[in-house]
């Protein structure tokens, strides 16, 4: 016991005398490393009888704890000394003019995409992506879009010259990502597919390139009720209001059956449309925000799945349109003009990271 007490006193004295972090670490290795003196004493406890361990174990354990505590205290003191010396040597002349800070900001489209990803991640969705240059089969045929459908017309779609007899084009929606996911990933599937899409159109509410987000759920026993709940939950989180009211209207899309357009209620406040409330109430109205429906059986079959076993829903909307509705923008073309004055007004701080707890929007 006297030897352990002497060892403890000597180690602690050496630790307190260490004047650099390197010297302190060498003492730590010598005491508590694999071949350290304290480690060696701990290894002697194994072969001992229970009675011997009761007698000799506590002093050895006390030695380890005391050395560990002394090392931690001395390390903290040395690190503080290093910091104090650095603070004393590094000075800033506060009389000098400040340099201009970073001028960059997050584009509203990027911000809204981050908001959407945050919301749907909380609902169990993952983010999927695919190529922007697509083939005719993934973009149209697999989605049950007939050869004679207007969407295939040259005035709507940007086509490339045929490649080995295959039509290639700039994707007109992110639905091909859904097809690729269903073909590559076994169900159940819950994905969103945000990205750039291209159509030959341009005015105050349409541009040749815009951003779209689509969602897909494939599972057993999926119904239109699941779709309505998902969209309602999403829109409440996105617009950060609990009084969101949806209206589903029958529609037609080749890749969904039944298909529904989704309208959201709004009220007029100081002449401005504010999302929220019953659109049929006095001073209210409805805005179309989403297209959706139950995935067509033919689409499920085209992806190699059994539509009698697997069902699902899909939905899609324009990211740019959502940004316009939420942040009060009135011209889609300004999103792509590259005007720094516009971006300074509507842009987001790089530190404004969307979170459900802190708020997804500014």
Protein backbone atom coordinates (compact mmCIF):
# COMPACT_ATOMS: atom_id res chain seq x y z
CA UNK A 1 0.00 0.00 0.00
CA UNK A 2 2.89 2.29 0.81
CA UNK A 3 4.33 1.66 -2.68
CA UNK A 4 1.00 2.59 -4.33
CA UNK A 5 0.75 5.75 -2.21
CA UNK A 6 4.28 6.74 -3.17
CA UNK A 7 3.56 6.01 -6.86
CA UNK A 8 0.40 8.13 -6.68
CA UNK A 9 2.25 11.07 -5.10
CA UNK A 10 5.07 10.87 -7.64
CA UNK A 11 2.73 10.69 -10.69
CA UNK A 12 0.59 13.59 -9.50
CA UNK A 13 3.69 15.69 -8.81
CA UNK A 14 5.02 14.98 -12.32
CA UNK A 15 1.62 15.85 -13.82
CA UNK A 16 1.42 19.16 -11.98
CA UNK A 17 4.97 20.00 -13.10
CA UNK A 18 4.25 19.33 -16.81
CA UNK A 19 4.61 22.61 -18.69
CA UNK A 20 3.43 21.59 -22.17
CA UNK A 21 0.56 19.54 -23.55
CA UNK A 22 3.08 17.23 -25.24
CA UNK A 23 4.84 16.51 -21.93
CA UNK A 24 1.50 15.93 -20.25
CA UNK A 25 0.44 13.45 -22.94
CA UNK A 26 3.70 11.53 -22.48
CA UNK A 27 2.93 11.21 -18.77
CA UNK A 28 -0.60 10.00 -19.61
CA UNK A 29 0.77 7.26 -21.87
CA UNK A 30 3.33 6.27 -19.25
CA UNK A 31 0.67 5.92 -16.59
CA UNK A 32 -2.55 4.86 -18.36
CA UNK A 33 -1.37 3.61 -21.76
CA UNK A 34 -1.37 -0.06 -22.73
CA UNK A 35 2.03 -0.53 -21.11
CA UNK A 36 1.54 2.14 -18.44
CA UNK A 37 2.41 1.60 -14.81
CA UNK A 38 -1.16 2.05 -13.56
CA UNK A 39 -2.48 -0.23 -16.31
CA UNK A 40 0.02 -2.87 -15.22
CA UNK A 41 -1.28 -2.74 -11.64
CA UNK A 42 -4.88 -3.07 -12.88
CA UNK A 43 -3.93 -6.19 -14.83
CA UNK A 44 -2.70 -7.84 -11.61
CA UNK A 45 -6.25 -7.82 -10.23
CA UNK A 46 -7.42 -10.51 -12.65
CA UNK A 47 -5.51 -13.51 -11.25
CA UNK A 48 -6.20 -12.55 -7.62
CA UNK A 49 -8.63 -14.39 -5.40
CA UNK A 50 -11.85 -12.55 -4.45
CA UNK A 51 -10.46 -11.88 -0.98
CA UNK A 52 -7.18 -10.44 -2.34
CA UNK A 53 -9.11 -8.33 -4.84
CA UNK A 54 -11.20 -6.83 -2.04
CA UNK A 55 -8.06 -5.91 -0.18
CA UNK A 56 -5.77 -4.67 -2.98
CA UNK A 57 -8.33 -3.48 -5.53
CA UNK A 58 -9.54 -0.21 -3.91
CA UNK A 59 -6.08 1.44 -3.63
CA UNK A 60 -5.30 0.59 -7.26
CA UNK A 61 -8.68 1.92 -8.44
CA UNK A 62 -8.13 5.07 -6.38
CA UNK A 63 -4.73 5.48 -8.02
CA UNK A 64 -6.28 5.32 -11.52
CA UNK A 65 -9.04 7.77 -10.66
CA UNK A 66 -6.66 10.23 -9.01
CA UNK A 67 -4.21 10.15 -11.94
CA UNK A 68 -7.06 10.54 -14.47
CA UNK A 69 -8.47 13.54 -12.58
CA UNK A 70 -5.03 15.16 -12.24
CA UNK A 71 -4.39 14.74 -15.98
CA UNK A 72 -7.74 16.33 -16.85
CA UNK A 73 -7.18 19.28 -14.52
CA UNK A 74 -3.65 19.94 -15.80
CA UNK A 75 -4.76 19.63 -19.44
CA UNK A 76 -7.51 22.20 -18.89
CA UNK A 77 -5.04 24.57 -17.21
CA UNK A 78 -2.47 24.23 -20.03
CA UNK A 79 -5.10 24.74 -22.73
CA UNK A 80 -6.36 27.85 -20.97
CA UNK A 81 -2.81 29.17 -20.77
CA UNK A 82 -2.35 28.62 -24.51
CA UNK A 83 -5.61 30.45 -25.21
CA UNK A 84 -4.67 33.35 -22.91
CA UNK A 85 -1.31 33.72 -24.63
CA UNK A 86 -2.99 33.74 -28.06
CA UNK A 87 -5.53 36.33 -27.00
CA UNK A 88 -2.78 38.52 -25.62
CA UNK A 89 -0.74 38.36 -28.83
CA UNK A 90 -3.57 38.67 -31.39
CA UNK A 91 -5.06 42.13 -31.27
CA UNK A 92 -7.49 43.93 -33.56
CA UNK A 93 -7.28 47.64 -34.20
CA UNK A 94 -10.92 48.66 -33.80
CA UNK A 95 -10.21 52.07 -35.35
CA UNK A 96 -9.59 50.55 -38.80
CA UNK A 97 -12.55 50.59 -41.22
CA UNK A 98 -14.42 47.30 -41.30
CA UNK A 99 -14.15 45.21 -44.44
CA UNK A 100 -17.38 44.44 -46.29
CA UNK A 101 -18.89 41.18 -45.11
CA UNK A 102 -20.07 38.34 -47.35
CA UNK A 103 -22.63 39.54 -49.89
CA UNK A 104 -24.09 36.18 -50.96
CA UNK A 105 -27.57 34.98 -50.11
CA UNK A 106 -29.68 31.87 -50.65
CA UNK A 107 -31.99 32.01 -53.67
CA UNK A 108 -35.69 31.66 -52.78
CA UNK A 109 -35.98 28.52 -54.93
CA UNK A 110 -33.12 26.86 -53.04
CA UNK A 111 -34.64 27.93 -49.73
CA UNK A 112 -38.08 26.54 -50.60
CA UNK A 113 -36.54 23.25 -51.77
CA UNK A 114 -34.80 22.97 -48.40
CA UNK A 115 -38.10 23.74 -46.66
CA UNK A 116 -39.90 21.02 -48.64
CA UNK A 117 -37.17 18.45 -47.97
CA UNK A 118 -37.31 19.23 -44.23
CA UNK A 119 -41.09 18.83 -44.08
CA UNK A 120 -41.27 15.61 -46.07
CA UNK A 121 -38.29 14.09 -44.25
CA UNK A 122 -40.35 14.43 -41.07
CA UNK A 123 -43.12 12.46 -42.84
CA UNK A 124 -40.74 9.62 -43.70
CA UNK A 125 -39.94 10.59 -47.29
CA UNK A 126 -36.47 10.44 -48.83
CA UNK A 127 -35.16 12.63 -51.65
CA UNK A 128 -34.66 10.97 -55.06
CA UNK A 129 -33.06 12.39 -58.19
CA UNK A 130 -32.65 11.48 -61.83
CA UNK A 131 -31.18 12.75 -65.13
CA UNK A 132 -32.47 15.96 -66.69
CA UNK A 133 -31.85 14.56 -70.18
CA UNK A 134 -34.39 11.74 -70.43
CA UNK A 135 -35.58 9.22 -72.98
CA UNK A 136 -39.09 9.14 -74.38
CA UNK A 137 -40.00 5.91 -72.55
CA UNK A 138 -39.28 7.16 -69.01
CA UNK A 139 -40.70 10.64 -69.64
CA UNK A 140 -43.90 9.64 -71.45
CA UNK A 141 -44.58 5.98 -72.29
CA UNK A 142 -44.05 4.49 -68.82
CA UNK A 143 -46.34 7.19 -67.43
CA UNK A 144 -49.24 6.05 -69.64
CA UNK A 145 -49.02 9.15 -71.84
CA UNK A 146 -50.33 8.19 -75.31
CA UNK A 147 -48.36 8.79 -78.51
CA UNK A 148 -50.93 11.38 -79.56
CA UNK A 149 -50.96 13.29 -76.26
CA UNK A 150 -50.38 17.07 -76.67
CA UNK A 151 -47.58 16.98 -74.07
CA UNK A 152 -45.40 15.13 -76.61
CA UNK A 153 -45.78 17.89 -79.19
CA UNK A 154 -42.67 19.74 -80.31
CA UNK A 155 -44.08 23.06 -79.10
CA UNK A 156 -44.16 21.77 -75.50
CA UNK A 157 -41.06 19.58 -75.33
CA UNK A 158 -37.39 20.27 -76.08
CA UNK A 159 -36.23 17.28 -78.16
CA UNK A 160 -32.68 16.27 -79.10
CA UNK A 161 -31.75 14.50 -82.32
CA UNK A 162 -32.60 10.78 -82.11
CA UNK A 163 -29.85 8.68 -80.51
CA UNK A 164 -29.62 5.13 -81.89
CA UNK A 165 -33.29 5.30 -82.78
CA UNK A 166 -34.26 6.52 -79.29
CA UNK A 167 -35.91 9.88 -78.71
CA UNK A 168 -34.06 11.99 -76.14
CA UNK A 169 -35.42 15.16 -74.55
CA UNK A 170 -35.16 17.58 -71.67
CA UNK A 171 -37.51 16.15 -69.06
CA UNK A 172 -40.85 17.94 -68.89
CA UNK A 173 -41.51 16.88 -65.28
CA UNK A 174 -39.74 14.97 -62.51
CA UNK A 175 -42.12 12.00 -62.89
CA UNK A 176 -39.39 9.93 -64.64
CA UNK A 177 -37.65 9.86 -61.24
CA UNK A 178 -40.72 8.06 -59.88
CA UNK A 179 -40.50 5.48 -62.68
CA UNK A 180 -36.79 4.88 -62.11
CA UNK A 181 -37.33 4.56 -58.36
CA UNK A 182 -40.17 2.03 -58.74
CA UNK A 183 -38.02 -0.04 -61.10
CA UNK A 184 -34.92 0.04 -58.90
CA UNK A 185 -36.28 0.08 -55.33
CA UNK A 186 -38.53 -2.62 -53.84
CA UNK A 187 -41.68 -1.23 -52.18
CA UNK A 188 -42.71 0.26 -49.84
CA UNK A 189 -41.58 3.57 -51.37
CA UNK A 190 -41.85 7.12 -50.02
CA UNK A 191 -39.93 9.68 -52.04
CA UNK A 192 -39.98 13.26 -53.18
CA UNK A 193 -38.28 14.25 -56.44
CA UNK A 194 -37.34 17.94 -56.63
CA UNK A 195 -35.48 19.33 -59.61
CA UNK A 196 -35.35 21.40 -62.79
CA UNK A 197 -37.78 20.68 -65.63
CA UNK A 198 -38.16 22.19 -69.10
CA UNK A 199 -41.11 23.20 -71.28
CA UNK A 200 -41.41 25.55 -74.22
CA UNK A 201 -43.40 28.30 -72.54
CA UNK A 202 -42.70 31.81 -71.26
CA UNK A 203 -44.81 34.54 -69.63
CA UNK A 204 -45.31 36.09 -66.19
CA UNK A 205 -46.23 32.72 -64.67
CA UNK A 206 -44.32 30.32 -66.97
CA UNK A 207 -40.65 30.00 -67.94
CA UNK A 208 -38.84 27.51 -70.25
CA UNK A 209 -36.99 26.14 -67.21
CA UNK A 210 -38.60 25.93 -63.81
CA UNK A 211 -38.47 23.84 -60.65
CA UNK A 212 -40.85 21.10 -59.70
CA UNK A 213 -41.29 18.73 -56.80
CA UNK A 214 -43.18 15.48 -57.07
CA UNK A 215 -43.98 12.92 -54.43
CA UNK A 216 -44.68 9.20 -54.62
CA UNK A 217 -45.91 6.65 -52.12
CA UNK A 218 -46.20 2.95 -53.03
CA UNK A 219 -47.40 0.54 -50.36
CA UNK A 220 -50.21 -1.86 -49.56
CA UNK A 221 -53.68 -0.52 -48.82
CA UNK A 222 -52.97 3.09 -49.84
CA UNK A 223 -56.11 5.20 -50.38
CA UNK A 224 -57.09 8.71 -51.46
CA UNK A 225 -57.52 9.51 -47.75
CA UNK A 226 -53.78 8.98 -47.20
CA UNK A 227 -53.09 11.41 -50.06
CA UNK A 228 -55.36 14.12 -48.64
CA UNK A 229 -53.86 13.81 -45.15
CA UNK A 230 -50.30 13.98 -46.51
CA UNK A 231 -50.97 17.08 -48.60
CA UNK A 232 -52.88 18.80 -45.80
CA UNK A 233 -50.07 18.11 -43.32
CA UNK A 234 -47.48 19.33 -45.82
CA UNK A 235 -49.29 22.59 -46.64
CA UNK A 236 -49.90 23.38 -42.96
CA UNK A 237 -46.18 23.00 -42.26
CA UNK A 238 -45.10 24.91 -45.39
CA UNK A 239 -47.36 27.93 -44.90
CA UNK A 240 -46.95 27.64 -41.10
CA UNK A 241 -50.69 27.91 -40.47
CA UNK A 242 -53.16 25.49 -38.91
CA UNK A 243 -56.23 26.90 -40.68
CA UNK A 244 -55.32 25.45 -44.09
CA UNK A 245 -58.42 24.18 -45.90
CA UNK A 246 -58.13 21.98 -49.01
CA UNK A 247 -60.57 21.42 -51.83
CA UNK A 248 -60.10 18.38 -54.09
CA UNK A 249 -61.52 18.66 -57.61
CA UNK A 250 -61.80 15.75 -60.07
CA UNK A 251 -59.30 16.06 -62.91
CA UNK A 252 -57.42 13.94 -65.44
CA UNK A 253 -53.77 12.94 -65.63
CA UNK A 254 -52.68 9.91 -67.68
CA UNK A 255 -50.51 8.56 -64.86
CA UNK A 256 -53.10 8.74 -62.05
CA UNK A 257 -56.64 7.37 -61.69
CA UNK A 258 -58.59 8.89 -60.05
CA UNK A 259 -56.89 12.28 -60.45
CA UNK A 260 -57.56 15.39 -58.39
CA UNK A 261 -56.54 19.03 -58.49
CA UNK A 262 -55.83 20.44 -55.03
CA UNK A 263 -56.96 23.97 -54.19
CA UNK A 264 -56.10 25.81 -50.99
CA UNK A 265 -58.35 28.43 -49.43
CA UNK A 266 -57.26 32.03 -49.03
CA UNK A 267 -58.61 35.26 -47.58
CA UNK A 268 -58.11 38.83 -48.75
CA UNK A 269 -56.21 41.02 -46.28
CA UNK A 270 -55.53 44.63 -47.32
CA UNK A 271 -56.08 43.59 -50.91
CA UNK A 272 -53.52 40.76 -50.66
CA UNK A 273 -54.32 37.06 -50.88
CA UNK A 274 -53.28 35.32 -47.65
CA UNK A 275 -53.22 31.53 -47.65
CA UNK A 276 -55.48 30.07 -44.97
CA UNK A 277 -59.15 29.81 -44.11
CA UNK A 278 -62.20 28.53 -45.97
CA UNK A 279 -62.19 29.72 -49.56
CA UNK A 280 -65.99 29.68 -49.63
CA UNK A 281 -66.23 32.14 -46.75
CA UNK A 282 -66.96 35.81 -47.35
CA UNK A 283 -63.92 37.56 -48.81
CA UNK A 284 -62.23 34.26 -49.55
CA UNK A 285 -61.33 32.21 -52.60
CA UNK A 286 -59.42 29.17 -53.85
CA UNK A 287 -55.97 28.78 -55.43
CA UNK A 288 -54.84 25.71 -57.32
CA UNK A 289 -51.52 24.53 -55.84
CA UNK A 290 -51.12 20.82 -56.63
CA UNK A 291 -52.00 18.08 -59.06
CA UNK A 292 -52.33 14.59 -57.61
CA UNK A 293 -54.07 11.23 -57.67
CA UNK A 294 -53.79 7.49 -57.21
CA UNK A 295 -51.04 5.94 -59.35
CA UNK A 296 -52.53 4.37 -62.47
CA UNK A 297 -52.44 0.56 -62.61
CA UNK A 298 -50.71 0.71 -65.98
CA UNK A 299 -47.86 2.77 -64.52
CA UNK A 300 -47.40 0.28 -61.67
CA UNK A 301 -47.37 -2.60 -64.19
CA UNK A 302 -44.88 -0.79 -66.45
CA UNK A 303 -42.47 -0.69 -63.50
CA UNK A 304 -42.72 -4.44 -62.93
CA UNK A 305 -44.98 -4.34 -59.86
CA UNK A 306 -48.29 -6.12 -59.28
CA UNK A 307 -51.06 -3.46 -59.07
CA UNK A 308 -53.30 -5.94 -57.21
CA UNK A 309 -50.73 -6.00 -54.40
CA UNK A 310 -49.27 -2.49 -54.51
CA UNK A 311 -51.12 0.81 -54.66
CA UNK A 312 -49.96 4.36 -54.23
CA UNK A 313 -50.47 8.05 -54.76
CA UNK A 314 -48.47 10.75 -56.48
CA UNK A 315 -48.53 14.53 -56.43
CA UNK A 316 -46.65 17.39 -58.02
CA UNK A 317 -46.34 21.15 -57.83
CA UNK A 318 -44.06 23.95 -58.97
CA UNK A 319 -41.46 25.01 -56.42
CA UNK A 320 -41.31 28.48 -57.95
CA UNK A 321 -45.10 28.82 -57.64
CA UNK A 322 -44.99 27.82 -53.97
CA UNK A 323 -42.27 30.44 -53.37
CA UNK A 324 -44.42 33.08 -55.09
CA UNK A 325 -47.45 32.22 -52.95
CA UNK A 326 -45.57 32.10 -49.65
CA UNK A 327 -43.30 35.11 -50.09
CA UNK A 328 -45.52 37.44 -52.12
CA UNK A 329 -43.75 37.44 -55.50
CA UNK A 330 -45.78 38.30 -58.57
CA UNK A 331 -43.57 37.54 -61.60
CA UNK A 332 -41.92 34.16 -62.17
CA UNK A 333 -39.45 35.59 -64.72
CA UNK A 334 -37.68 37.60 -61.99
CA UNK A 335 -36.49 34.31 -60.46
CA UNK A 336 -34.08 33.88 -63.38
CA UNK A 337 -33.16 37.46 -64.31
CA UNK A 338 -30.02 37.48 -62.14
CA UNK A 339 -30.93 40.90 -60.71
CA UNK A 340 -28.97 41.35 -57.47
CA UNK A 341 -31.44 43.98 -56.24
CA UNK A 342 -34.25 41.41 -56.45
CA UNK A 343 -32.12 38.78 -54.68
CA UNK A 344 -31.14 41.20 -51.91
CA UNK A 345 -34.84 41.87 -51.32
CA UNK A 346 -36.12 38.27 -51.51
CA UNK A 347 -32.94 36.28 -50.76
CA UNK A 348 -32.34 34.37 -47.54
CA UNK A 349 -29.42 34.44 -45.14
CA UNK A 350 -27.05 31.51 -45.49
CA UNK A 351 -27.63 30.80 -41.80
CA UNK A 352 -31.44 30.62 -42.22
CA UNK A 353 -31.62 26.82 -42.25
CA UNK A 354 -35.21 25.50 -42.30
CA UNK A 355 -36.17 23.37 -39.29
CA UNK A 356 -39.57 22.24 -38.09
CA UNK A 357 -38.74 23.28 -34.55
CA UNK A 358 -37.39 26.72 -35.44
CA UNK A 359 -39.70 27.43 -38.37
CA UNK A 360 -39.28 26.44 -42.00
CA UNK A 361 -39.63 29.95 -43.41
CA UNK A 362 -38.45 33.47 -42.70
